[in-house]
Amino acid sequence: MAYPIDRKLVIAVSSSALFDLSESDAIFRSDGAKAYKDFQEKNLTNVLAKGVAFPFIRRFLNINKRFPDKMPVEVVLLSRNSATTGKRVFRSIAHYGLNISRAIFMEGKSPYEYIPAFNASLFLTANEGDVSKAIQAGYPAGVVLPSKVVDDESEEELRIAFDFDGVIADDESEAIYKGGDLPEFHNYEVANSHIPHEPGPLADLFKKLSFMQKLEDREQEKSPSYRRIIRTSIVTARNAPAHERVVTTLEAWGVSANETFFLGGMKKDRILSILKPHMFFDDQKSHLESEAGDIPMVHIPFGIANKP
């Protein structure tokens, strides 16, 4: 039996993250709401190009194809569009065969308040103001940064990479590091290596992805030829001896990542360019850089790292 929405892993996405709305957005900014509405109506049958979050969302929805009896994931659209201008968005969703049926259209207002109504573990949008409001309210959200859109439709695997502090875990340790120096940070983490961190803004997303991977474990037990489609990674600036508390935290939560990289301050792009995640989440913008510009990056403006 399919899961009810309060048991599903739900991701909310804005039309600005899912599709390339740069042309229509430019019209809105220069000529106003009426010109924007007229443009969308004139181009109703023109399919929108894929946006930065599209490859991630398409693969995420493919989880349901692996578990059609459970349908354990869902994507909902939270949009600043009106229902009228949103017609083009839904026609584009249908064109690409994305199974998205739930949506809200706010006619210019921020939709962030409705994140918990849909039980969403993440809200992806290109609107930085909406994400700031969501994070301040304690809701999980991230700003999708501009990058090249690369979507190999022959590839099924969904690769998701996370920073640890300020993303999966809270910013307790980052506050120690920012207020002192590296030796002080290491001493603090060693002294507290047996104490799990409190959850960060994307802890629920990470935990539910781990549950999806347990579903895949069962499928692989039934059939050794089963090909997994979810691959999670932690890419953190930590190194030994501060690594142990990361492991302690994940063990306490009963979750794990497929790969964990303790980089000791190395540039993260050196790993990401090989890993090629379909989404990388970090709370520090300085880490959200890619020389090739082809790694989808999401900024989580949470905690001490985002305070002046």
Protein backbone atom coordinates (compact mmCIF):
# COMPACT_ATOMS: atom_id res chain seq x y z
CA MET A 1 0.00 0.00 0.00
CA ALA A 2 1.28 3.49 -0.89
CA TYR A 3 2.53 5.59 2.01
CA PRO A 4 0.36 8.53 3.18
CA ILE A 5 2.11 11.88 2.77
CA ASP A 6 3.01 12.13 6.46
CA ARG A 7 5.16 8.98 6.07
CA LYS A 8 6.73 9.86 2.73
CA LEU A 9 10.03 11.55 2.02
CA VAL A 10 8.75 14.79 0.54
CA ILE A 11 10.77 17.43 -1.29
CA ALA A 12 9.22 20.78 -2.14
CA VAL A 13 10.59 22.63 -5.14
CA SER A 14 9.90 26.01 -6.71
CA SER A 15 9.42 26.48 -10.43
CA SER A 16 12.56 28.66 -10.41
CA ALA A 17 14.67 25.70 -9.27
CA LEU A 18 12.98 23.06 -11.42
CA PHE A 19 13.00 25.03 -14.67
CA ASP A 20 15.01 27.77 -16.35
CA LEU A 21 12.82 30.84 -15.83
CA SER A 22 15.54 33.41 -16.58
CA GLU A 23 13.78 34.82 -19.66
CA SER A 24 10.37 35.23 -18.03
CA ASP A 25 11.96 36.48 -14.79
CA ALA A 26 13.77 39.21 -16.75
CA ILE A 27 10.42 40.30 -18.22
CA PHE A 28 8.84 40.37 -14.75
CA ARG A 29 11.67 42.53 -13.38
CA SER A 30 11.70 44.97 -16.29
CA ASP A 31 8.00 45.17 -17.24
CA GLY A 32 6.01 43.95 -14.26
CA ALA A 33 3.48 41.25 -13.37
CA LYS A 34 1.05 41.85 -16.25
CA ALA A 35 3.77 41.58 -18.90
CA TYR A 36 5.01 38.42 -17.18
CA LYS A 37 1.52 36.92 -17.26
CA ASP A 38 1.05 37.85 -20.92
CA PHE A 39 4.43 36.31 -21.80
CA GLN A 40 3.58 33.02 -20.08
CA GLU A 41 0.19 32.83 -21.80
CA LYS A 42 1.71 33.50 -25.22
CA ASN A 43 4.30 30.80 -24.58
CA LEU A 44 1.95 28.31 -22.95
CA THR A 45 2.82 25.53 -25.40
CA ASN A 46 6.58 26.22 -25.31
CA VAL A 47 8.20 23.77 -22.92
CA LEU A 48 10.44 25.32 -20.28
CA ALA A 49 14.09 24.28 -20.32
CA LYS A 50 15.43 22.19 -17.44
CA GLY A 51 16.61 24.09 -14.38
CA VAL A 52 19.46 23.33 -11.98
CA ALA A 53 17.35 21.08 -9.71
CA PHE A 54 15.73 19.15 -12.57
CA PRO A 55 18.24 16.24 -12.80
CA PHE A 56 18.06 15.77 -9.02
CA ILE A 57 14.25 15.86 -8.92
CA ARG A 58 13.85 13.49 -11.89
CA ARG A 59 16.10 10.87 -10.30
CA PHE A 60 14.50 11.37 -6.88
CA LEU A 61 11.07 10.59 -8.34
CA ASN A 62 12.49 7.44 -9.93
CA ILE A 63 12.64 5.94 -6.42
CA ASN A 64 8.88 5.40 -6.75
CA LYS A 65 9.43 3.36 -9.91
CA ARG A 66 11.59 0.98 -7.88
CA PHE A 67 8.94 0.71 -5.15
CA PRO A 68 5.59 1.16 -6.97
CA ASP A 69 3.61 -0.59 -4.23
CA LYS A 70 4.86 1.87 -1.61
CA MET A 71 5.45 5.11 -3.58
CA PRO A 72 7.65 6.31 -0.68
CA VAL A 73 8.69 9.70 -2.08
CA GLU A 74 6.88 12.74 -3.41
CA VAL A 75 7.70 16.13 -4.91
CA VAL A 76 5.36 19.09 -4.41
CA LEU A 77 5.55 22.42 -6.21
CA LEU A 78 5.60 25.56 -4.03
CA SER A 79 5.43 28.54 -6.35
CA ARG A 80 5.21 32.31 -6.28
CA ASN A 81 3.33 32.09 -9.60
CA SER A 82 -0.42 32.46 -9.86
CA ALA A 83 -2.43 29.41 -10.89
CA THR A 84 -2.87 31.06 -14.30
CA THR A 85 0.82 31.64 -14.97
CA GLY A 86 1.55 28.25 -13.42
CA LYS A 87 -0.21 26.51 -16.29
CA ARG A 88 2.99 26.61 -18.35
CA VAL A 89 4.92 25.11 -15.45
CA PHE A 90 2.53 22.16 -15.14
CA ARG A 91 2.49 21.62 -18.89
CA SER A 92 6.29 21.43 -18.79
CA ILE A 93 6.09 18.99 -15.86
CA ALA A 94 3.76 16.80 -17.95
CA HIS A 95 6.02 17.07 -21.01
CA TYR A 96 9.00 15.69 -19.07
CA GLY A 97 6.89 12.95 -17.46
CA LEU A 98 7.49 14.09 -13.88
CA ASN A 99 4.98 12.65 -11.42
CA ILE A 100 4.20 15.90 -9.59
CA SER A 101 0.53 16.50 -8.79
CA ARG A 102 0.43 18.60 -5.62
CA ALA A 103 1.13 22.33 -5.82
CA ILE A 104 0.40 25.72 -4.31
CA PHE A 105 0.50 29.00 -6.25
CA MET A 106 0.91 32.10 -4.10
CA GLU A 107 0.52 34.87 -6.70
CA GLY A 108 3.70 36.72 -5.77
CA LYS A 109 3.90 35.79 -2.08
CA SER A 110 6.44 33.49 -0.47
CA PRO A 111 5.22 29.90 -0.04
CA TYR A 112 7.69 28.97 2.74
CA GLU A 113 5.05 28.80 5.51
CA TYR A 114 3.50 25.75 3.84
CA ILE A 115 6.65 23.59 4.04
CA PRO A 116 5.44 21.72 7.18
CA ALA A 117 1.90 21.34 5.77
CA PHE A 118 3.33 19.00 3.13
CA ASN A 119 5.71 17.28 5.56
CA ALA A 120 8.60 18.42 3.35
CA SER A 121 12.13 17.51 4.41
CA LEU A 122 13.56 20.08 1.99
CA PHE A 123 12.45 23.14 0.04
CA LEU A 124 14.56 24.00 -2.99
CA THR A 125 14.26 27.42 -4.61
CA ALA A 126 16.38 30.03 -6.36
CA ASN A 127 14.79 32.73 -4.16
CA GLU A 128 17.27 33.57 -1.41
CA GLY A 129 14.74 35.60 0.58
CA ASP A 130 12.30 32.69 0.76
CA VAL A 131 15.04 30.37 2.01
CA SER A 132 16.19 32.84 4.68
CA LYS A 133 12.61 33.12 5.99
CA ALA A 134 12.23 29.33 6.01
CA ILE A 135 15.49 28.73 7.89
CA GLN A 136 14.61 31.43 10.45
CA ALA A 137 11.29 29.64 10.99
CA GLY A 138 13.12 26.34 11.55
CA TYR A 139 12.13 24.80 8.21
CA PRO A 140 14.57 22.90 5.93
CA ALA A 141 15.37 24.94 2.82
CA GLY A 142 18.20 25.73 0.46
CA VAL A 143 19.11 28.22 -2.26
CA VAL A 144 19.83 26.55 -5.60
CA LEU A 145 22.83 28.36 -7.07
CA PRO A 146 23.30 28.92 -10.83
CA SER A 147 25.23 26.17 -12.64
CA LYS A 148 25.29 24.25 -15.90
CA VAL A 149 22.45 21.74 -16.22
CA VAL A 150 23.76 18.26 -17.00
CA ASP A 151 21.13 15.52 -17.20
CA ASP A 152 22.20 12.15 -18.58
CA GLU A 153 18.84 10.43 -19.04
CA SER A 154 20.48 7.01 -19.45
CA GLU A 155 21.82 7.19 -15.89
CA GLU A 156 19.52 6.19 -13.02
CA GLU A 157 21.76 6.64 -9.98
CA LEU A 158 20.96 9.54 -7.67
CA ARG A 159 24.08 10.94 -5.98
CA ILE A 160 23.54 13.35 -3.08
CA ALA A 161 26.41 14.94 -1.16
CA PHE A 162 26.20 16.81 2.15
CA ASP A 163 28.48 18.91 4.27
CA PHE A 164 28.17 17.82 7.91
CA ASP A 165 28.30 20.81 10.30
CA GLY A 166 25.45 23.26 9.82
CA VAL A 167 23.72 20.93 7.36
CA ILE A 168 23.22 17.40 8.72
CA ALA A 169 24.27 18.39 12.25
CA ASP A 170 23.82 21.65 14.12
CA ASP A 171 26.44 24.42 14.17
CA GLU A 172 27.72 23.78 17.72
CA SER A 173 31.22 22.83 16.56
CA GLU A 174 31.40 25.57 13.93
CA ALA A 175 30.70 28.08 16.70
CA ILE A 176 33.69 26.73 18.65
CA TYR A 177 35.91 26.91 15.55
CA LYS A 178 34.80 30.44 14.64
CA GLY A 179 35.31 31.65 18.19
CA GLY A 180 38.76 30.12 18.62
CA ASP A 181 41.24 28.25 16.46
CA LEU A 182 41.81 24.80 14.98
CA PRO A 183 43.58 23.23 18.03
CA GLU A 184 40.77 24.46 20.29
CA PHE A 185 38.19 22.98 17.90
CA HIS A 186 40.00 19.62 17.83
CA ASN A 187 40.33 19.56 21.64
CA TYR A 188 36.62 20.29 22.01
CA GLU A 189 35.61 17.59 19.53
CA VAL A 190 37.88 14.98 21.13
CA ALA A 191 36.46 15.78 24.57
CA ASN A 192 32.91 15.44 23.17
CA SER A 193 33.56 12.60 20.72
CA HIS A 194 31.12 10.34 22.62
CA ILE A 195 28.26 12.91 22.48
CA PRO A 196 26.12 12.97 19.35
CA HIS A 197 25.38 16.30 17.72
CA GLU A 198 21.91 17.78 17.69
CA PRO A 199 20.21 17.59 14.27
CA GLY A 200 20.84 20.28 11.67
CA PRO A 201 18.38 21.62 9.06
CA LEU A 202 18.76 18.64 6.69
CA ALA A 203 18.98 15.88 9.30
CA ASP A 204 15.46 14.68 8.54
CA LEU A 205 16.25 14.49 4.80
CA PHE A 206 19.44 12.52 5.48
CA LYS A 207 17.67 10.12 7.87
CA LYS A 208 14.83 9.45 5.44
CA LEU A 209 17.27 8.87 2.58
CA SER A 210 18.95 6.31 4.82
CA PHE A 211 15.57 4.61 5.27
CA MET A 212 15.16 4.52 1.46
CA GLN A 213 18.55 2.83 1.28
CA LYS A 214 17.31 0.21 3.75
CA LEU A 215 14.47 -0.51 1.31
CA GLU A 216 17.17 -1.05 -1.29
CA ASP A 217 19.03 -3.36 1.12
CA ARG A 218 15.93 -5.58 1.27
CA GLU A 219 15.63 -5.61 -2.50
CA GLN A 220 19.26 -6.62 -2.82
CA GLU A 221 18.75 -9.43 -0.31
CA LYS A 222 15.90 -10.73 -2.47
CA SER A 223 17.85 -10.31 -5.68
CA PRO A 224 21.67 -9.91 -5.68
CA SER A 225 21.44 -8.46 -9.20
CA TYR A 226 19.41 -5.48 -7.93
CA ARG A 227 21.12 -2.23 -8.93
CA ARG A 228 20.98 0.47 -6.27
CA ILE A 229 19.95 3.96 -7.33
CA ILE A 230 20.59 6.04 -4.14
CA ARG A 231 24.15 6.99 -3.18
CA THR A 232 24.83 9.40 -0.32
CA SER A 233 28.10 11.09 0.63
CA ILE A 234 29.37 13.35 3.39
CA VAL A 235 32.06 15.80 2.30
CA THR A 236 33.38 17.69 5.31
CA ALA A 237 36.33 19.97 6.05
CA ARG A 238 36.90 18.01 9.28
CA ASN A 239 39.79 15.58 9.68
CA ALA A 240 41.14 13.40 12.49
CA PRO A 241 40.76 13.65 15.43
CA ALA A 242 37.51 15.60 14.88
CA HIS A 243 36.17 12.85 12.60
CA GLU A 244 35.06 10.58 15.44
CA ARG A 245 32.15 12.74 16.55
CA VAL A 246 30.70 12.58 13.03
CA VAL A 247 30.70 8.77 13.28
CA THR A 248 29.26 8.90 16.81
CA THR A 249 26.40 11.11 15.63
CA LEU A 250 25.46 8.93 12.67
CA GLU A 251 25.64 5.76 14.77
CA ALA A 252 23.38 7.32 17.42
CA TRP A 253 20.84 8.19 14.73
CA GLY A 254 21.07 4.72 13.17
CA VAL A 255 22.10 6.08 9.77
CA SER A 256 25.17 6.10 7.56
CA ALA A 257 26.52 7.48 4.30
CA ASN A 258 27.87 5.37 1.46
CA GLU A 259 31.02 7.48 1.41
CA THR A 260 32.52 9.92 3.90
CA PHE A 261 35.34 12.31 3.03
CA PHE A 262 37.31 14.01 5.83
CA LEU A 263 39.23 16.62 3.88
CA GLY A 264 41.05 18.63 6.55
CA GLY A 265 40.41 21.93 4.78
CA MET A 266 41.13 20.71 1.25
CA LYS A 267 39.10 22.33 -1.51
CA LYS A 268 35.89 20.32 -1.78
CA ASP A 269 35.73 20.66 -5.56
CA ARG A 270 38.65 18.21 -5.78
CA ILE A 271 36.30 15.50 -4.50
CA LEU A 272 33.06 16.76 -6.01
CA SER A 273 34.50 16.89 -9.53
CA ILE A 274 35.08 13.12 -9.29
CA LEU A 275 31.97 12.25 -7.28
CA LYS A 276 29.71 14.34 -9.56
CA PRO A 277 26.72 14.61 -7.20
CA HIS A 278 23.35 15.65 -8.55
CA MET A 279 23.13 17.98 -5.56
CA PHE A 280 25.66 19.17 -2.97
CA PHE A 281 24.47 20.92 0.21
CA ASP A 282 26.75 23.20 2.25
CA ASP A 283 26.18 26.01 4.73
CA GLN A 284 29.24 27.98 3.58
CA LYS A 285 29.14 29.70 0.20
CA SER A 286 32.93 29.64 -0.02
CA HIS A 287 32.70 25.83 -0.33
CA LEU A 288 30.09 26.00 -3.08
CA GLU A 289 32.48 26.48 -5.95
CA SER A 290 33.27 24.30 -8.93
CA GLU A 291 35.88 25.07 -11.56
CA ALA A 292 33.82 23.45 -14.33
CA GLY A 293 30.61 25.05 -13.06
CA ASP A 294 28.69 21.81 -13.62
CA ILE A 295 27.99 20.65 -10.04
CA PRO A 296 24.54 21.61 -8.71
CA MET A 297 25.15 23.46 -5.45
CA VAL A 298 22.69 24.40 -2.72
CA HIS A 299 23.44 26.94 0.00
CA ILE A 300 21.89 26.25 3.43
CA PRO A 301 22.08 29.67 5.17
CA PHE A 302 22.02 28.23 8.67
CA GLY A 303 23.87 28.97 11.89
CA ILE A 304 27.08 30.71 12.87
CA ALA A 305 28.67 30.35 9.40
CA ASN A 306 26.07 32.75 7.99
CA LYS A 307 26.27 35.41 10.67
CA PRO A 308 28.39 38.53 10.11
